[in-house]
């Protein structure tokens, strides 16, 4: 992560936005061990930027809450994996729409 972040000047990029959104297909406590979304989140936190993770699936959400303000999973009690994979655009749109107020609070 560090080599890529430095080569693209990621810290400068993050500093220029009000809200940082990152994600991963499956996020869990192992994601905290150096995967890119957590590296992005740590950098954003250092810069005082709110961070949202949007993932296909999330396991161990509690462990991720120190690095992310919001962790959304496309697969949840209302949406199964088959629906999420066959209609990802619609599922993502519905998930973000349902969290719009929360997102607005993060950037206000």
C-alpha atoms as a PDB file:
ATOM      1  CA  UNK A   1       0.000   0.000   0.000  1.00  0.00           C
ATOM      2  CA  UNK A   2       2.672   2.520   1.010  1.00  0.00           C
ATOM      3  CA  UNK A   3       4.562   2.323  -2.293  1.00  0.00           C
ATOM      4  CA  UNK A   4       1.429   2.858  -4.392  1.00  0.00           C
ATOM      5  CA  UNK A   5       0.094   5.591  -2.085  1.00  0.00           C
ATOM      6  CA  UNK A   6       3.362   7.486  -2.326  1.00  0.00           C
ATOM      7  CA  UNK A   7       3.658   7.067  -6.090  1.00  0.00           C
ATOM      8  CA  UNK A   8       0.204   8.576  -6.693  1.00  0.00           C
ATOM      9  CA  UNK A   9       0.501  11.177  -3.907  1.00  0.00           C
ATOM     10  CA  UNK A  10      -2.595   9.728  -2.254  1.00  0.00           C
ATOM     11  CA  UNK A  11      -2.337  11.951   0.805  1.00  0.00           C
ATOM     12  CA  UNK A  12      -2.707  15.065  -1.371  1.00  0.00           C
ATOM     13  CA  UNK A  13      -5.646  13.488  -3.206  1.00  0.00           C
ATOM     14  CA  UNK A  14      -7.425  12.547   0.026  1.00  0.00           C
ATOM     15  CA  UNK A  15      -6.842  16.017   1.455  1.00  0.00           C
ATOM     16  CA  UNK A  16      -8.766  17.541  -1.453  1.00  0.00           C
ATOM     17  CA  UNK A  17     -12.056  15.710  -0.710  1.00  0.00           C
ATOM     18  CA  UNK A  18     -14.722  16.102   1.975  1.00  0.00           C
ATOM     19  CA  UNK A  19     -15.597  12.399   2.205  1.00  0.00           C
ATOM     20  CA  UNK A  20     -13.455   9.380   1.383  1.00  0.00           C
ATOM     21  CA  UNK A  21     -15.210   6.267   0.059  1.00  0.00           C
ATOM     22  CA  UNK A  22     -13.307   3.027  -0.314  1.00  0.00           C
ATOM     23  CA  UNK A  23     -14.289  -0.592  -0.464  1.00  0.00           C
ATOM     24  CA  UNK A  24     -13.501  -4.214  -0.964  1.00  0.00           C
ATOM     25  CA  UNK A  25     -15.339  -7.332  -2.064  1.00  0.00           C
ATOM     26  CA  UNK A  26     -15.158  -8.851   1.403  1.00  0.00           C
ATOM     27  CA  UNK A  27     -13.981  -6.894   4.417  1.00  0.00           C
ATOM     28  CA  UNK A  28     -13.156  -8.479   7.755  1.00  0.00           C
ATOM     29  CA  UNK A  29     -10.715  -8.143  10.629  1.00  0.00           C
ATOM     30  CA  UNK A  30      -7.915  -9.392   8.333  1.00  0.00           C
ATOM     31  CA  UNK A  31      -8.499  -6.286   6.218  1.00  0.00           C
ATOM     32  CA  UNK A  32      -6.927  -4.355   9.090  1.00  0.00           C
ATOM     33  CA  UNK A  33      -3.627  -6.136   8.416  1.00  0.00           C
ATOM     34  CA  UNK A  34      -2.506  -3.892   5.586  1.00  0.00           C
ATOM     35  CA  UNK A  35      -5.125  -4.144   2.849  1.00  0.00           C
ATOM     36  CA  UNK A  36      -5.602  -1.004   0.773  1.00  0.00           C
ATOM     37  CA  UNK A  37      -9.014   0.120   2.117  1.00  0.00           C
ATOM     38  CA  UNK A  38      -7.674   0.230   5.661  1.00  0.00           C
ATOM     39  CA  UNK A  39      -4.550   2.058   4.503  1.00  0.00           C
ATOM     40  CA  UNK A  40      -6.781   4.621   2.810  1.00  0.00           C
ATOM     41  CA  UNK A  41      -8.892   4.903   5.970  1.00  0.00           C
ATOM     42  CA  UNK A  42      -5.876   5.451   8.225  1.00  0.00           C
ATOM     43  CA  UNK A  43      -4.543   8.152   5.910  1.00  0.00           C
ATOM     44  CA  UNK A  44      -7.945   9.847   5.761  1.00  0.00           C
ATOM     45  CA  UNK A  45      -8.271   9.733   9.545  1.00  0.00           C
ATOM     46  CA  UNK A  46      -4.842  11.355   9.888  1.00  0.00           C
ATOM     47  CA  UNK A  47      -6.129  14.179   7.678  1.00  0.00           C
ATOM     48  CA  UNK A  48      -9.399  14.498   9.606  1.00  0.00           C
ATOM     49  CA  UNK A  49     -11.546  13.214   6.735  1.00  0.00           C
ATOM     50  CA  UNK A  50     -14.610  11.010   7.279  1.00  0.00           C
ATOM     51  CA  UNK A  51     -14.301   7.547   5.722  1.00  0.00           C
ATOM     52  CA  UNK A  52     -16.948   5.202   4.374  1.00  0.00           C
ATOM     53  CA  UNK A  53     -16.366   1.615   3.256  1.00  0.00           C
ATOM     54  CA  UNK A  54     -18.764  -0.026   0.825  1.00  0.00           C
ATOM     55  CA  UNK A  55     -18.217  -3.758   0.543  1.00  0.00           C
ATOM     56  CA  UNK A  56     -19.853  -6.795  -0.923  1.00  0.00           C
ATOM     57  CA  UNK A  57     -19.767  -8.540   2.452  1.00  0.00           C
ATOM     58  CA  UNK A  58     -18.603  -7.511   5.890  1.00  0.00           C
ATOM     59  CA  UNK A  59     -17.570  -9.821   8.733  1.00  0.00           C
ATOM     60  CA  UNK A  60     -16.561  -8.508  12.131  1.00  0.00           C
ATOM     61  CA  UNK A  61     -17.943  -5.026  11.529  1.00  0.00           C
ATOM     62  CA  UNK A  62     -17.161  -3.997  15.114  1.00  0.00           C
ATOM     63  CA  UNK A  63     -13.406  -4.401  14.527  1.00  0.00           C
ATOM     64  CA  UNK A  64     -13.601  -2.064  11.526  1.00  0.00           C
ATOM     65  CA  UNK A  65     -15.397   0.770  13.309  1.00  0.00           C
ATOM     66  CA  UNK A  66     -12.174   2.322  14.634  1.00  0.00           C
ATOM     67  CA  UNK A  67     -10.953   3.005  11.092  1.00  0.00           C
ATOM     68  CA  UNK A  68     -14.237   3.774   9.312  1.00  0.00           C
ATOM     69  CA  UNK A  69     -17.093   6.130  10.136  1.00  0.00           C
ATOM     70  CA  UNK A  70     -19.500   3.954   8.158  1.00  0.00           C
ATOM     71  CA  UNK A  71     -19.176   0.381   6.884  1.00  0.00           C
ATOM     72  CA  UNK A  72     -21.878  -0.714   4.429  1.00  0.00           C
ATOM     73  CA  UNK A  73     -22.373  -4.242   3.195  1.00  0.00           C
ATOM     74  CA  UNK A  74     -24.285  -4.924  -0.008  1.00  0.00           C
ATOM     75  CA  UNK A  75     -25.173  -8.348   1.397  1.00  0.00           C
ATOM     76  CA  UNK A  76     -27.252  -8.010   4.546  1.00  0.00           C
ATOM     77  CA  UNK A  77     -30.492  -9.179   6.140  1.00  0.00           C
ATOM     78  CA  UNK A  78     -32.488  -7.591   3.278  1.00  0.00           C
ATOM     79  CA  UNK A  79     -30.291  -8.538   0.312  1.00  0.00           C
ATOM     80  CA  UNK A  80     -28.801 -11.951  -0.340  1.00  0.00           C
ATOM     81  CA  UNK A  81     -25.583 -12.579  -2.235  1.00  0.00           C
ATOM     82  CA  UNK A  82     -27.346 -13.761  -5.394  1.00  0.00           C
ATOM     83  CA  UNK A  83     -29.352 -10.543  -5.680  1.00  0.00           C
ATOM     84  CA  UNK A  84     -26.316  -8.442  -4.870  1.00  0.00           C
ATOM     85  CA  UNK A  85     -24.206 -10.118  -7.555  1.00  0.00           C
ATOM     86  CA  UNK A  86     -26.908 -10.144 -10.237  1.00  0.00           C
ATOM     87  CA  UNK A  87     -27.972  -6.496  -9.721  1.00  0.00           C
ATOM     88  CA  UNK A  88     -24.945  -4.753  -8.178  1.00  0.00           C
ATOM     89  CA  UNK A  89     -25.741  -1.291  -9.553  1.00  0.00           C
ATOM     90  CA  UNK A  90     -29.304  -1.344  -8.219  1.00  0.00           C
ATOM     91  CA  UNK A  91     -28.306  -2.812  -4.862  1.00  0.00           C
ATOM     92  CA  UNK A  92     -25.535  -0.216  -4.432  1.00  0.00           C
ATOM     93  CA  UNK A  93     -27.862   2.643  -5.422  1.00  0.00           C
ATOM     94  CA  UNK A  94     -30.511   1.482  -2.953  1.00  0.00           C
ATOM     95  CA  UNK A  95     -27.944   1.080  -0.183  1.00  0.00           C
ATOM     96  CA  UNK A  96     -26.497   4.565  -0.732  1.00  0.00           C
ATOM     97  CA  UNK A  97     -29.973   6.106  -1.047  1.00  0.00           C
ATOM     98  CA  UNK A  98     -30.968   4.541   2.269  1.00  0.00           C
ATOM     99  CA  UNK A  99     -27.868   6.081   3.893  1.00  0.00           C
ATOM    100  CA  UNK A 100     -28.078   9.486   2.226  1.00  0.00           C
ATOM    101  CA  UNK A 101     -28.821  11.361   5.457  1.00  0.00           C
ATOM    102  CA  UNK A 102     -25.909   9.664   7.226  1.00  0.00           C
ATOM    103  CA  UNK A 103     -23.596  10.585   4.336  1.00  0.00           C
ATOM    104  CA  UNK A 104     -24.759  14.203   4.415  1.00  0.00           C
ATOM    105  CA  UNK A 105     -24.009  14.364   8.147  1.00  0.00           C
ATOM    106  CA  UNK A 106     -20.478  13.079   7.541  1.00  0.00           C
ATOM    107  CA  UNK A 107     -19.662  15.922   5.166  1.00  0.00           C
ATOM    108  CA  UNK A 108     -21.442  18.744   6.993  1.00  0.00           C
END
